[in-house]
Amino acid sequence: MLIRIKSSLFIPYIIAETVFTVIYISNYGFLSLVGEVFLSAIIGFLFIFNIGFFNLTSKINMIKPSDIFSSIGIGIGGFLLFLPGLISDTFGIIVITISLIYKLVKKPDYKQNEHDFRYDRYDNEEEIIDVEVIDDTHHIR
């Protein structure tokens, strides 16, 4: 049953992709389609690895829901750009645009410390406390 549902959703996509590809080739030519597929794959690869998911892991200590949404959205949009096809490229551009707009419009809830971290010593830190832990449990042999 699940395979039938998947194939019933995939066949209209293939038909629509074929129609859009034929229209694109008739208007712009086959070489333009090949160039578009390669260029969108390269841009999608860059969005996936340079801007999308790695941006999420670099800010792991100050993560917010807007960062998660925008980074995952850019990663998914990059994946859609990476897939060959005009419809997937269109959806990829839409997802990336929405994610970037959401990232730029959303005001940050925190201010990142732009200065180096500093450690202040206090007067009572001069003493060193040495602790030795002694196990008082007696074992019966």
N, C-alpha and C. Protein backbone atom coordinates (compact mmCIF):
# COMPACT_ATOMS: atom_id res chain seq x y z
N MET A 1 0.82 -1.19 0.00
CA MET A 1 0.00 0.00 0.00
C MET A 1 0.87 1.26 0.00
N LEU A 2 1.92 1.25 0.85
CA LEU A 2 2.79 2.42 0.94
C LEU A 2 3.55 2.63 -0.36
N ILE A 3 3.95 1.54 -1.00
CA ILE A 3 4.66 1.66 -2.27
C ILE A 3 3.74 2.23 -3.34
N ARG A 4 2.48 1.86 -3.32
CA ARG A 4 1.52 2.37 -4.29
C ARG A 4 1.32 3.88 -4.10
N ILE A 5 1.28 4.34 -2.85
CA ILE A 5 1.13 5.77 -2.58
C ILE A 5 2.36 6.53 -3.04
N LYS A 6 3.54 6.00 -2.76
CA LYS A 6 4.77 6.66 -3.20
C LYS A 6 4.83 6.75 -4.71
N SER A 7 4.49 5.68 -5.41
CA SER A 7 4.56 5.72 -6.86
C SER A 7 3.47 6.62 -7.43
N SER A 8 2.32 6.70 -6.77
CA SER A 8 1.27 7.58 -7.28
C SER A 8 1.63 9.06 -7.09
N LEU A 9 2.48 9.37 -6.13
CA LEU A 9 2.94 10.75 -5.96
C LEU A 9 4.14 11.06 -6.84
N PHE A 10 4.92 10.07 -7.17
CA PHE A 10 6.14 10.28 -7.94
C PHE A 10 5.84 10.44 -9.43
N ILE A 11 4.85 9.74 -9.94
CA ILE A 11 4.53 9.79 -11.37
C ILE A 11 4.08 11.18 -11.81
N PRO A 12 3.20 11.89 -11.08
CA PRO A 12 2.87 13.26 -11.51
C PRO A 12 4.08 14.20 -11.47
N TYR A 13 4.98 13.99 -10.52
CA TYR A 13 6.19 14.81 -10.47
C TYR A 13 7.04 14.58 -11.72
N ILE A 14 7.20 13.33 -12.12
CA ILE A 14 7.99 13.02 -13.32
C ILE A 14 7.33 13.63 -14.56
N ILE A 15 6.02 13.54 -14.65
CA ILE A 15 5.32 14.12 -15.80
C ILE A 15 5.48 15.64 -15.82
N ALA A 16 5.30 16.30 -14.68
CA ALA A 16 5.46 17.76 -14.61
C ALA A 16 6.90 18.16 -14.91
N GLU A 17 7.85 17.41 -14.39
CA GLU A 17 9.27 17.71 -14.65
C GLU A 17 9.59 17.57 -16.13
N THR A 18 9.04 16.55 -16.77
CA THR A 18 9.26 16.35 -18.20
C THR A 18 8.65 17.49 -19.01
N VAL A 19 7.45 17.91 -18.65
CA VAL A 19 6.80 19.02 -19.37
C VAL A 19 7.62 20.30 -19.22
N PHE A 20 8.04 20.62 -17.99
CA PHE A 20 8.84 21.84 -17.78
C PHE A 20 10.20 21.75 -18.48
N THR A 21 10.78 20.58 -18.53
CA THR A 21 12.07 20.41 -19.20
C THR A 21 11.92 20.61 -20.71
N VAL A 22 10.87 20.07 -21.29
CA VAL A 22 10.64 20.25 -22.73
C VAL A 22 10.40 21.72 -23.05
N ILE A 23 9.63 22.40 -22.23
CA ILE A 23 9.38 23.83 -22.45
C ILE A 23 10.68 24.63 -22.31
N TYR A 24 11.49 24.30 -21.31
CA TYR A 24 12.76 25.00 -21.10
C TYR A 24 13.70 24.77 -22.27
N ILE A 25 13.80 23.52 -22.74
CA ILE A 25 14.70 23.22 -23.86
C ILE A 25 14.22 23.90 -25.13
N SER A 26 12.92 23.96 -25.36
CA SER A 26 12.42 24.62 -26.57
C SER A 26 12.66 26.13 -26.53
N ASN A 27 12.68 26.73 -25.35
CA ASN A 27 12.92 28.17 -25.26
C ASN A 27 14.39 28.54 -25.19
N TYR A 28 15.19 27.77 -24.43
CA TYR A 28 16.57 28.18 -24.17
C TYR A 28 17.62 27.22 -24.73
N GLY A 29 17.27 26.02 -25.08
CA GLY A 29 18.22 25.07 -25.65
C GLY A 29 18.70 24.05 -24.62
N PHE A 30 19.23 22.93 -25.16
CA PHE A 30 19.67 21.83 -24.31
C PHE A 30 20.92 22.18 -23.51
N LEU A 31 21.86 22.89 -24.13
CA LEU A 31 23.10 23.24 -23.44
C LEU A 31 22.82 24.17 -22.25
N SER A 32 21.84 25.03 -22.39
CA SER A 32 21.45 25.89 -21.27
C SER A 32 20.89 25.06 -20.12
N LEU A 33 20.14 24.01 -20.43
CA LEU A 33 19.61 23.13 -19.38
C LEU A 33 20.73 22.40 -18.67
N VAL A 34 21.70 21.90 -19.43
CA VAL A 34 22.84 21.21 -18.81
C VAL A 34 23.62 22.17 -17.92
N GLY A 35 23.85 23.39 -18.39
CA GLY A 35 24.54 24.39 -17.58
C GLY A 35 23.76 24.74 -16.32
N GLU A 36 22.45 24.84 -16.44
CA GLU A 36 21.62 25.14 -15.28
C GLU A 36 21.67 24.02 -14.25
N VAL A 37 21.66 22.78 -14.71
CA VAL A 37 21.72 21.64 -13.79
C VAL A 37 23.05 21.62 -13.06
N PHE A 38 24.16 21.82 -13.78
CA PHE A 38 25.48 21.82 -13.13
C PHE A 38 25.64 23.01 -12.19
N LEU A 39 25.21 24.18 -12.62
CA LEU A 39 25.35 25.37 -11.78
C LEU A 39 24.49 25.26 -10.52
N SER A 40 23.27 24.77 -10.66
CA SER A 40 22.43 24.63 -9.47
C SER A 40 22.96 23.55 -8.54
N ALA A 41 23.59 22.51 -9.09
CA ALA A 41 24.19 21.47 -8.23
C ALA A 41 25.36 22.04 -7.43
N ILE A 42 26.19 22.85 -8.06
CA ILE A 42 27.33 23.45 -7.35
C ILE A 42 26.84 24.42 -6.29
N ILE A 43 25.88 25.26 -6.63
CA ILE A 43 25.34 26.22 -5.66
C ILE A 43 24.65 25.48 -4.51
N GLY A 44 23.90 24.43 -4.83
CA GLY A 44 23.25 23.63 -3.79
C GLY A 44 24.25 22.97 -2.86
N PHE A 45 25.34 22.46 -3.42
CA PHE A 45 26.39 21.85 -2.61
C PHE A 45 27.00 22.88 -1.66
N LEU A 46 27.24 24.09 -2.16
CA LEU A 46 27.78 25.15 -1.31
C LEU A 46 26.79 25.55 -0.21
N PHE A 47 25.52 25.64 -0.56
CA PHE A 47 24.52 25.97 0.46
C PHE A 47 24.42 24.89 1.52
N ILE A 48 24.53 23.63 1.12
CA ILE A 48 24.43 22.55 2.10
C ILE A 48 25.58 22.60 3.08
N PHE A 49 26.80 22.69 2.58
CA PHE A 49 27.96 22.50 3.45
C PHE A 49 28.57 23.78 4.00
N ASN A 50 28.47 24.89 3.32
CA ASN A 50 29.10 26.11 3.83
C ASN A 50 28.14 26.99 4.63
N ILE A 51 26.90 27.04 4.24
CA ILE A 51 25.98 27.96 4.89
C ILE A 51 24.96 27.22 5.75
N GLY A 52 24.50 26.08 5.33
CA GLY A 52 23.39 25.39 5.98
C GLY A 52 23.73 24.71 7.28
N PHE A 53 24.02 23.42 7.23
CA PHE A 53 24.15 22.62 8.44
C PHE A 53 25.40 22.95 9.24
N PHE A 54 26.50 23.33 8.59
CA PHE A 54 27.70 23.66 9.33
C PHE A 54 27.55 24.97 10.09
N ASN A 55 26.73 25.88 9.58
CA ASN A 55 26.43 27.10 10.32
C ASN A 55 25.67 26.78 11.60
N LEU A 56 24.83 25.75 11.54
CA LEU A 56 24.09 25.33 12.72
C LEU A 56 25.02 24.76 13.77
N THR A 57 25.99 23.96 13.38
CA THR A 57 26.90 23.35 14.36
C THR A 57 27.93 24.34 14.88
N SER A 58 28.21 25.41 14.15
CA SER A 58 29.19 26.37 14.64
C SER A 58 28.62 27.23 15.77
N LYS A 59 27.29 27.38 15.82
CA LYS A 59 26.67 28.20 16.86
C LYS A 59 25.96 27.32 17.89
N ILE A 60 26.49 26.18 18.17
CA ILE A 60 25.79 25.22 19.01
C ILE A 60 25.64 25.73 20.44
N ASN A 61 26.51 26.63 20.90
CA ASN A 61 26.40 27.11 22.28
C ASN A 61 25.35 28.21 22.43
N MET A 62 24.99 28.89 21.37
CA MET A 62 23.99 29.96 21.44
C MET A 62 22.87 29.69 20.44
N ILE A 63 22.25 28.55 20.52
CA ILE A 63 21.29 28.15 19.51
C ILE A 63 19.90 28.67 19.86
N LYS A 64 19.19 29.12 18.84
CA LYS A 64 17.83 29.62 18.99
C LYS A 64 16.96 28.90 17.96
N PRO A 65 15.66 28.91 18.14
CA PRO A 65 14.79 28.27 17.14
C PRO A 65 14.90 28.90 15.75
N SER A 66 15.13 30.21 15.68
CA SER A 66 15.26 30.84 14.37
C SER A 66 16.53 30.37 13.67
N ASP A 67 17.60 30.14 14.43
CA ASP A 67 18.82 29.60 13.82
C ASP A 67 18.60 28.20 13.30
N ILE A 68 17.86 27.40 14.06
CA ILE A 68 17.59 26.03 13.62
C ILE A 68 16.77 26.05 12.34
N PHE A 69 15.70 26.86 12.32
CA PHE A 69 14.84 26.92 11.15
C PHE A 69 15.60 27.41 9.92
N SER A 70 16.37 28.47 10.09
CA SER A 70 17.06 29.03 8.92
C SER A 70 18.17 28.11 8.44
N SER A 71 18.93 27.50 9.34
CA SER A 71 20.02 26.62 8.91
C SER A 71 19.50 25.35 8.26
N ILE A 72 18.48 24.75 8.85
CA ILE A 72 17.92 23.54 8.24
C ILE A 72 17.21 23.89 6.94
N GLY A 73 16.55 25.03 6.89
CA GLY A 73 15.90 25.46 5.65
C GLY A 73 16.90 25.69 4.54
N ILE A 74 18.02 26.31 4.85
CA ILE A 74 19.06 26.52 3.85
C ILE A 74 19.66 25.19 3.42
N GLY A 75 19.84 24.27 4.35
CA GLY A 75 20.36 22.95 4.00
C GLY A 75 19.40 22.18 3.10
N ILE A 76 18.11 22.21 3.42
CA ILE A 76 17.12 21.52 2.60
C ILE A 76 17.00 22.19 1.23
N GLY A 77 17.03 23.52 1.20
CA GLY A 77 17.00 24.22 -0.08
C GLY A 77 18.22 23.91 -0.92
N GLY A 78 19.38 23.80 -0.28
CA GLY A 78 20.59 23.41 -1.00
C GLY A 78 20.49 22.01 -1.55
N PHE A 79 19.87 21.11 -0.79
CA PHE A 79 19.67 19.74 -1.28
C PHE A 79 18.73 19.73 -2.48
N LEU A 80 17.67 20.55 -2.43
CA LEU A 80 16.76 20.62 -3.57
C LEU A 80 17.45 21.23 -4.79
N LEU A 81 18.34 22.19 -4.57
CA LEU A 81 19.11 22.72 -5.70
C LEU A 81 20.08 21.68 -6.24
N PHE A 82 20.58 20.83 -5.38
CA PHE A 82 21.54 19.80 -5.79
C PHE A 82 20.88 18.75 -6.68
N LEU A 83 19.60 18.49 -6.45
CA LEU A 83 18.88 17.52 -7.28
C LEU A 83 18.68 18.09 -8.68
N PRO A 84 18.85 17.26 -9.71
CA PRO A 84 18.62 17.77 -11.07
C PRO A 84 17.13 17.92 -11.34
N GLY A 85 16.76 19.00 -11.96
CA GLY A 85 15.36 19.23 -12.31
C GLY A 85 14.98 20.66 -12.07
N LEU A 86 14.06 21.15 -12.87
CA LEU A 86 13.65 22.54 -12.77
C LEU A 86 12.70 22.78 -11.60
N ILE A 87 11.83 21.82 -11.33
CA ILE A 87 10.87 21.99 -10.23
C ILE A 87 11.59 21.96 -8.89
N SER A 88 12.52 21.03 -8.73
CA SER A 88 13.27 20.96 -7.47
C SER A 88 14.14 22.21 -7.28
N ASP A 89 14.68 22.74 -8.38
CA ASP A 89 15.45 23.99 -8.28
C ASP A 89 14.56 25.15 -7.85
N THR A 90 13.35 25.20 -8.39
CA THR A 90 12.42 26.26 -8.03
C THR A 90 12.04 26.18 -6.55
N PHE A 91 11.71 24.97 -6.09
CA PHE A 91 11.39 24.80 -4.67
C PHE A 91 12.60 25.09 -3.79
N GLY A 92 13.79 24.72 -4.24
CA GLY A 92 15.01 25.00 -3.48
C GLY A 92 15.25 26.49 -3.32
N ILE A 93 15.05 27.24 -4.40
CA ILE A 93 15.22 28.69 -4.34
C ILE A 93 14.18 29.32 -3.41
N ILE A 94 12.95 28.82 -3.45
CA ILE A 94 11.91 29.34 -2.57
C ILE A 94 12.25 29.08 -1.11
N VAL A 95 12.68 27.86 -0.79
CA VAL A 95 13.01 27.51 0.60
C VAL A 95 14.20 28.32 1.09
N ILE A 96 15.23 28.49 0.26
CA ILE A 96 16.41 29.27 0.65
C ILE A 96 16.03 30.73 0.85
N THR A 97 15.20 31.28 -0.03
CA THR A 97 14.78 32.68 0.11
C THR A 97 14.00 32.90 1.40
N ILE A 98 13.06 32.01 1.70
CA ILE A 98 12.29 32.14 2.94
C ILE A 98 13.20 32.02 4.15
N SER A 99 14.14 31.08 4.12
CA SER A 99 15.04 30.90 5.26
C SER A 99 15.95 32.11 5.46
N LEU A 100 16.47 32.67 4.37
CA LEU A 100 17.34 33.84 4.49
C LEU A 100 16.56 35.07 4.96
N ILE A 101 15.34 35.24 4.45
CA ILE A 101 14.52 36.37 4.91
C ILE A 101 14.20 36.22 6.39
N TYR A 102 13.85 35.01 6.81
CA TYR A 102 13.54 34.77 8.22
C TYR A 102 14.77 35.00 9.09
N LYS A 103 15.94 34.63 8.57
CA LYS A 103 17.18 34.82 9.32
C LYS A 103 17.53 36.31 9.44
N LEU A 104 17.30 37.07 8.38
CA LEU A 104 17.65 38.49 8.40
C LEU A 104 16.63 39.34 9.15
N VAL A 105 15.35 38.99 9.07
CA VAL A 105 14.31 39.77 9.71
C VAL A 105 14.27 39.51 11.21
N LYS A 106 14.50 38.29 11.61
CA LYS A 106 14.44 37.92 13.03
C LYS A 106 15.56 38.61 13.79
N LYS A 107 15.18 39.40 14.77
CA LYS A 107 16.17 40.10 15.59
C LYS A 107 16.80 39.12 16.57
N PRO A 108 18.08 39.22 16.80
CA PRO A 108 18.70 38.32 17.77
C PRO A 108 18.23 38.62 19.19
N ASP A 109 18.03 37.56 19.96
CA ASP A 109 17.59 37.70 21.35
C ASP A 109 18.75 37.88 22.31
N TYR A 110 19.94 37.80 21.82
CA TYR A 110 21.12 37.86 22.67
C TYR A 110 22.16 38.73 22.00
N LYS A 111 23.08 39.22 22.79
CA LYS A 111 24.23 39.93 22.24
C LYS A 111 25.45 39.06 22.44
N GLN A 112 26.11 38.80 21.36
CA GLN A 112 27.28 37.95 21.46
C GLN A 112 28.43 38.76 22.04
N ASN A 113 29.18 38.15 22.93
CA ASN A 113 30.31 38.82 23.55
C ASN A 113 31.40 39.02 22.51
N GLU A 114 31.66 40.26 22.16
CA GLU A 114 32.65 40.55 21.14
C GLU A 114 34.05 40.68 21.72
N HIS A 115 34.15 40.74 23.02
CA HIS A 115 35.44 40.88 23.66
C HIS A 115 35.94 39.52 24.10
N ASP A 116 37.20 39.47 24.41
CA ASP A 116 37.77 38.21 24.89
C ASP A 116 37.23 37.92 26.28
N PHE A 117 37.18 36.64 26.60
CA PHE A 117 36.74 36.28 27.93
C PHE A 117 37.81 36.67 28.94
N ARG A 118 37.38 37.00 30.11
CA ARG A 118 38.29 37.49 31.13
C ARG A 118 38.03 36.73 32.42
N TYR A 119 39.09 36.49 33.14
CA TYR A 119 38.98 35.77 34.41
C TYR A 119 39.50 36.69 35.49
N ASP A 120 38.64 36.98 36.45
CA ASP A 120 39.04 37.83 37.57
C ASP A 120 39.39 36.95 38.76
N ARG A 121 40.51 37.23 39.36
CA ARG A 121 40.91 36.49 40.57
C ARG A 121 40.33 37.20 41.78
N TYR A 122 39.92 36.40 42.71
CA TYR A 122 39.43 36.93 43.97
C TYR A 122 40.44 36.62 45.06
N ASP A 123 40.35 37.36 46.15
CA ASP A 123 41.33 37.21 47.23
C ASP A 123 41.27 35.83 47.88
N ASN A 124 40.11 35.26 47.99
CA ASN A 124 40.00 33.99 48.69
C ASN A 124 40.38 32.78 47.82
N GLU A 125 40.82 32.99 46.60
CA GLU A 125 41.21 31.89 45.73
C GLU A 125 42.67 31.50 45.90
N GLU A 126 43.37 32.16 46.75
CA GLU A 126 44.80 31.90 46.90
C GLU A 126 45.07 30.59 47.63
N GLU A 127 44.15 30.16 48.46
CA GLU A 127 44.36 28.94 49.21
C GLU A 127 44.05 27.73 48.33
N ILE A 128 44.90 26.75 48.43
CA ILE A 128 44.68 25.50 47.71
C ILE A 128 44.14 24.49 48.69
N ILE A 129 43.03 23.92 48.36
CA ILE A 129 42.43 22.93 49.23
C ILE A 129 42.71 21.56 48.64
N ASP A 130 43.34 20.70 49.44
CA ASP A 130 43.65 19.35 49.00
C ASP A 130 42.69 18.40 49.70
N VAL A 131 42.00 17.62 48.93
CA VAL A 131 41.01 16.71 49.48
C VAL A 131 41.43 15.29 49.13
N GLU A 132 41.39 14.42 50.14
CA GLU A 132 41.68 13.01 49.91
C GLU A 132 40.44 12.23 50.30
N VAL A 133 39.97 11.41 49.41
CA VAL A 133 38.77 10.63 49.67
C VAL A 133 39.20 9.25 50.15
N ILE A 134 38.68 8.86 51.33
CA ILE A 134 39.00 7.56 51.91
C ILE A 134 37.73 6.73 51.89
N ASP A 135 37.86 5.56 51.35
CA ASP A 135 36.72 4.66 51.26
C ASP A 135 36.58 3.92 52.59
N ASP A 136 35.47 4.13 53.29
CA ASP A 136 35.25 3.52 54.60
C ASP A 136 34.46 2.22 54.54
N THR A 137 34.15 1.77 53.39
CA THR A 137 33.39 0.52 53.32
C THR A 137 34.32 -0.65 53.60
N HIS A 138 33.89 -1.54 54.46
CA HIS A 138 34.69 -2.71 54.82
C HIS A 138 34.20 -3.90 54.01
N HIS A 139 35.11 -4.59 53.45
CA HIS A 139 34.77 -5.77 52.67
C HIS A 139 34.97 -7.01 53.53
N ILE A 140 34.04 -7.90 53.51
CA ILE A 140 34.15 -9.16 54.25
C ILE A 140 34.73 -10.20 53.32
N ARG A 141 35.81 -10.84 53.77
CA ARG A 141 36.45 -11.86 52.95
C ARG A 141 36.24 -13.20 53.51
